[in-house]
Amino acid sequence: MAKLSSGATAEDLAKTAEGLQEAMTRVAAISPAWNATLRTTCVATLLEGGHAVNALPQLAAATVNCRVLPEDSREYVTAQLQKVVADDQVTVKQLGEPHPGPPSAMRPDVLQAVQRATEAHWPSVPVVPTMVMGATDGAYLRAAGIPTYGIQGFFMDRDDIRFHGRDERLGVQSFYEGQAFLYDLVKLLSKPGN
């Protein structure tokens, strides 16, 4: 991404790739997407409490969804949440078990096929491997030893991303172009010798 950026952002992206913490902090401050890619993030997704509109609640609960980087342990995340809450009357507990898996190796044959399909559909679009800031079912496949890659081929308006919302949407043209791209990619990957 440093090669696709300019100025101080390009410099900080390159330094982030080298492991420079100060540069990562600056990159994370640029946008919520970069922050969520570079750091473990948590957000309250469900709030519950009370039994009537005119009475103080006797009990309250918040469900907090965390997207955890591979290097952060669940104990670390739980401790940080307890620290943020800063109330010994509030209990922080994990719902369910995480299913971390090893990262999938960057396979040249997969990257070459993605590059070829991309060039066929969008000649000026660069192929840049990234880690998405969300979770996928790929975690279960990787945990079982199956390398997994998320390749979508859909273009979205960066200022109008509504993943998992009731009004989640994708442009019609982008949908059909993405389907054609994925069809061609599967054909490239399924050829003998690939």
Protein backbone atom coordinates (compact mmCIF):
# COMPACT_ATOMS: atom_id res chain seq x y z
CA MET A 1 0.00 0.00 0.00
CA ALA A 2 2.97 2.32 0.50
CA LYS A 3 3.57 2.19 -3.27
CA LEU A 4 -0.03 3.29 -3.92
CA SER A 5 0.11 6.17 -1.44
CA SER A 6 2.05 9.39 -1.35
CA GLY A 7 3.80 11.72 1.07
CA ALA A 8 3.96 11.01 4.78
CA THR A 9 1.33 8.26 4.51
CA ALA A 10 3.49 6.31 2.04
CA GLU A 11 6.51 6.70 4.30
CA ASP A 12 4.58 5.61 7.39
CA LEU A 13 3.08 2.59 5.60
CA ALA A 14 6.55 1.45 4.55
CA LYS A 15 7.88 1.94 8.09
CA THR A 16 4.86 0.06 9.50
CA ALA A 17 5.75 -2.91 7.27
CA GLU A 18 9.23 -2.79 8.79
CA GLY A 19 7.72 -2.98 12.29
CA LEU A 20 8.19 0.63 13.44
CA GLN A 21 5.59 1.17 16.20
CA GLU A 22 5.49 4.98 15.91
CA ALA A 23 4.67 4.77 12.20
CA MET A 24 1.95 2.18 12.88
CA THR A 25 0.37 4.53 15.43
CA ARG A 26 0.27 7.31 12.82
CA VAL A 27 -1.15 5.00 10.13
CA ALA A 28 -3.81 3.70 12.54
CA ALA A 29 -4.88 7.30 13.22
CA ILE A 30 -5.45 7.99 9.51
CA SER A 31 -8.71 6.05 9.27
CA PRO A 32 -10.92 3.60 11.16
CA ALA A 33 -10.14 0.96 8.53
CA TRP A 34 -6.38 1.20 9.04
CA ASN A 35 -6.87 1.25 12.81
CA ALA A 36 -8.95 -1.94 12.66
CA THR A 37 -6.42 -3.62 10.38
CA LEU A 38 -3.44 -2.84 12.60
CA ARG A 39 -4.94 -3.20 16.07
CA THR A 40 -7.33 -5.33 18.05
CA THR A 41 -10.61 -3.43 18.19
CA CYS A 42 -13.76 -3.88 20.28
CA VAL A 43 -17.20 -2.31 19.97
CA ALA A 44 -20.42 -2.73 21.96
CA THR A 45 -22.89 -4.31 19.52
CA LEU A 46 -25.79 -5.12 21.88
CA LEU A 47 -26.97 -3.26 24.99
CA GLU A 48 -29.62 -4.62 27.36
CA GLY A 49 -31.04 -3.33 30.61
CA GLY A 50 -34.13 -2.39 32.56
CA HIS A 51 -37.72 -3.52 32.50
CA ALA A 52 -39.61 -0.25 32.19
CA VAL A 53 -39.06 3.18 30.67
CA ASN A 54 -39.60 4.95 34.00
CA ALA A 55 -37.37 2.84 36.29
CA LEU A 56 -33.66 2.54 36.79
CA PRO A 57 -32.41 -0.84 35.57
CA GLN A 58 -31.48 -3.37 38.24
CA LEU A 59 -29.30 -5.23 35.74
CA ALA A 60 -27.60 -4.25 32.52
CA ALA A 61 -25.48 -6.10 29.97
CA ALA A 62 -23.39 -5.17 26.98
CA THR A 63 -22.17 -7.54 24.31
CA VAL A 64 -18.82 -6.37 23.01
CA ASN A 65 -17.55 -7.79 19.73
CA CYS A 66 -13.76 -7.85 19.41
CA ARG A 67 -11.76 -8.41 16.26
CA VAL A 68 -8.50 -9.72 17.70
CA LEU A 69 -5.12 -9.65 16.00
CA PRO A 70 -3.38 -13.04 15.89
CA GLU A 71 -0.67 -11.91 18.32
CA ASP A 72 -3.13 -10.72 21.03
CA SER A 73 -4.34 -13.36 23.50
CA ARG A 74 -7.91 -13.54 24.73
CA GLU A 75 -6.59 -13.02 28.27
CA TYR A 76 -4.99 -9.76 27.17
CA VAL A 77 -8.22 -8.55 25.52
CA THR A 78 -10.35 -9.50 28.53
CA ALA A 79 -7.94 -7.71 30.88
CA GLN A 80 -8.02 -4.58 28.70
CA LEU A 81 -11.83 -4.57 28.68
CA GLN A 82 -11.92 -4.95 32.48
CA LYS A 83 -9.44 -2.08 32.74
CA VAL A 84 -11.57 0.15 30.50
CA VAL A 85 -14.73 -0.65 32.47
CA ALA A 86 -12.86 0.16 35.71
CA ASP A 87 -15.64 -1.15 37.96
CA ASP A 88 -15.28 -4.23 40.16
CA GLN A 89 -19.07 -4.64 40.12
CA VAL A 90 -18.97 -5.34 36.40
CA THR A 91 -18.05 -8.82 35.20
CA VAL A 92 -16.32 -9.31 31.86
CA LYS A 93 -16.63 -12.80 30.44
CA GLN A 94 -16.01 -14.37 27.09
CA LEU A 95 -18.93 -15.81 25.14
CA GLY A 96 -17.89 -18.85 23.13
CA GLU A 97 -14.43 -20.05 22.23
CA PRO A 98 -12.21 -18.39 19.65
CA HIS A 99 -10.95 -20.52 16.80
CA PRO A 100 -7.59 -19.06 15.82
CA GLY A 101 -5.75 -20.65 12.96
CA PRO A 102 -2.32 -20.17 11.45
CA PRO A 103 -1.99 -17.59 8.67
CA SER A 104 -2.12 -18.92 5.13
CA ALA A 105 1.18 -18.74 3.27
CA MET A 106 1.40 -16.31 0.36
CA ARG A 107 1.34 -18.78 -2.54
CA PRO A 108 2.82 -17.48 -5.80
CA ASP A 109 0.42 -19.60 -7.91
CA VAL A 110 -2.62 -18.08 -6.20
CA LEU A 111 -1.25 -14.54 -6.45
CA GLN A 112 -0.39 -15.05 -10.15
CA ALA A 113 -3.91 -16.29 -10.91
CA VAL A 114 -5.43 -13.32 -9.07
CA GLN A 115 -3.10 -10.99 -10.99
CA ARG A 116 -4.08 -12.53 -14.35
CA ALA A 117 -7.81 -12.36 -13.64
CA THR A 118 -7.50 -8.80 -12.36
CA GLU A 119 -5.55 -7.66 -15.43
CA ALA A 120 -8.18 -9.24 -17.68
CA HIS A 121 -11.04 -7.36 -16.00
CA TRP A 122 -9.40 -4.19 -14.64
CA PRO A 123 -5.99 -3.61 -16.29
CA SER A 124 -5.04 -0.62 -14.14
CA VAL A 125 -6.02 -2.08 -10.75
CA PRO A 126 -3.10 -3.28 -8.61
CA VAL A 127 -3.30 -6.52 -6.64
CA VAL A 128 -2.40 -5.88 -3.00
CA PRO A 129 -2.60 -8.69 -0.42
CA THR A 130 -4.11 -7.42 2.84
CA MET A 131 -5.56 -8.79 6.05
CA VAL A 132 -9.20 -7.81 6.36
CA MET A 133 -10.41 -6.36 9.62
CA GLY A 134 -13.24 -8.84 10.02
CA ALA A 135 -13.61 -12.51 10.74
CA THR A 136 -14.46 -15.17 8.18
CA ASP A 137 -15.23 -18.86 8.13
CA GLY A 138 -11.68 -19.18 6.82
CA ALA A 139 -10.55 -19.31 10.46
CA TYR A 140 -12.10 -22.79 10.76
CA LEU A 141 -10.49 -23.98 7.54
CA ARG A 142 -7.06 -22.64 8.54
CA ALA A 143 -7.39 -24.28 11.96
CA ALA A 144 -7.95 -27.58 10.09
CA GLY A 145 -4.77 -26.99 8.06
CA ILE A 146 -6.47 -25.80 4.85
CA PRO A 147 -4.89 -22.62 3.44
CA THR A 148 -7.62 -20.05 2.89
CA TYR A 149 -7.73 -16.80 0.91
CA GLY A 150 -10.48 -14.23 0.64
CA ILE A 151 -10.64 -12.79 -2.87
CA GLN A 152 -13.77 -10.89 -3.72
CA GLY A 153 -13.41 -8.77 -6.85
CA PHE A 154 -16.20 -6.41 -5.84
CA PHE A 155 -15.77 -2.65 -5.80
CA MET A 156 -17.50 -0.63 -3.09
CA ASP A 157 -17.80 3.01 -2.15
CA ARG A 158 -15.34 3.41 0.75
CA ASP A 159 -17.58 6.10 2.23
CA ASP A 160 -20.68 3.89 2.17
CA ILE A 161 -19.66 0.49 3.52
CA ARG A 162 -22.54 -1.15 5.40
CA PHE A 163 -21.32 -4.68 6.14
CA HIS A 164 -23.79 -6.69 8.23
CA GLY A 165 -26.25 -3.80 8.41
CA ARG A 166 -29.91 -4.10 7.56
CA ASP A 167 -29.22 -1.96 4.52
CA GLU A 168 -26.06 -3.76 3.39
CA ARG A 169 -25.70 -3.26 -0.33
CA LEU A 170 -23.48 -3.52 -3.37
CA GLY A 171 -23.78 -1.78 -6.72
CA VAL A 172 -25.44 -3.84 -9.47
CA GLN A 173 -22.57 -3.32 -11.92
CA SER A 174 -20.02 -4.24 -9.26
CA PHE A 175 -21.98 -7.40 -8.45
CA TYR A 176 -21.98 -8.65 -12.04
CA GLU A 177 -18.34 -7.65 -12.66
CA GLY A 178 -17.33 -9.43 -9.45
CA GLN A 179 -19.15 -12.60 -10.50
CA ALA A 180 -17.37 -12.60 -13.87
CA PHE A 181 -14.00 -12.03 -12.16
CA LEU A 182 -14.56 -14.87 -9.68
CA TYR A 183 -15.70 -17.21 -12.46
CA ASP A 184 -12.51 -16.53 -14.41
CA LEU A 185 -10.37 -16.87 -11.28
CA VAL A 186 -11.83 -20.28 -10.46
CA LYS A 187 -11.14 -21.40 -14.04
CA LEU A 188 -7.52 -20.24 -13.76
CA LEU A 189 -7.01 -21.94 -10.39
CA SER A 190 -8.61 -25.21 -11.51
CA LYS A 191 -6.48 -25.72 -14.61
CA PRO A 192 -4.23 -28.79 -14.48
CA GLY A 193 -0.85 -27.84 -13.06
CA ASN A 194 -2.23 -25.11 -10.79
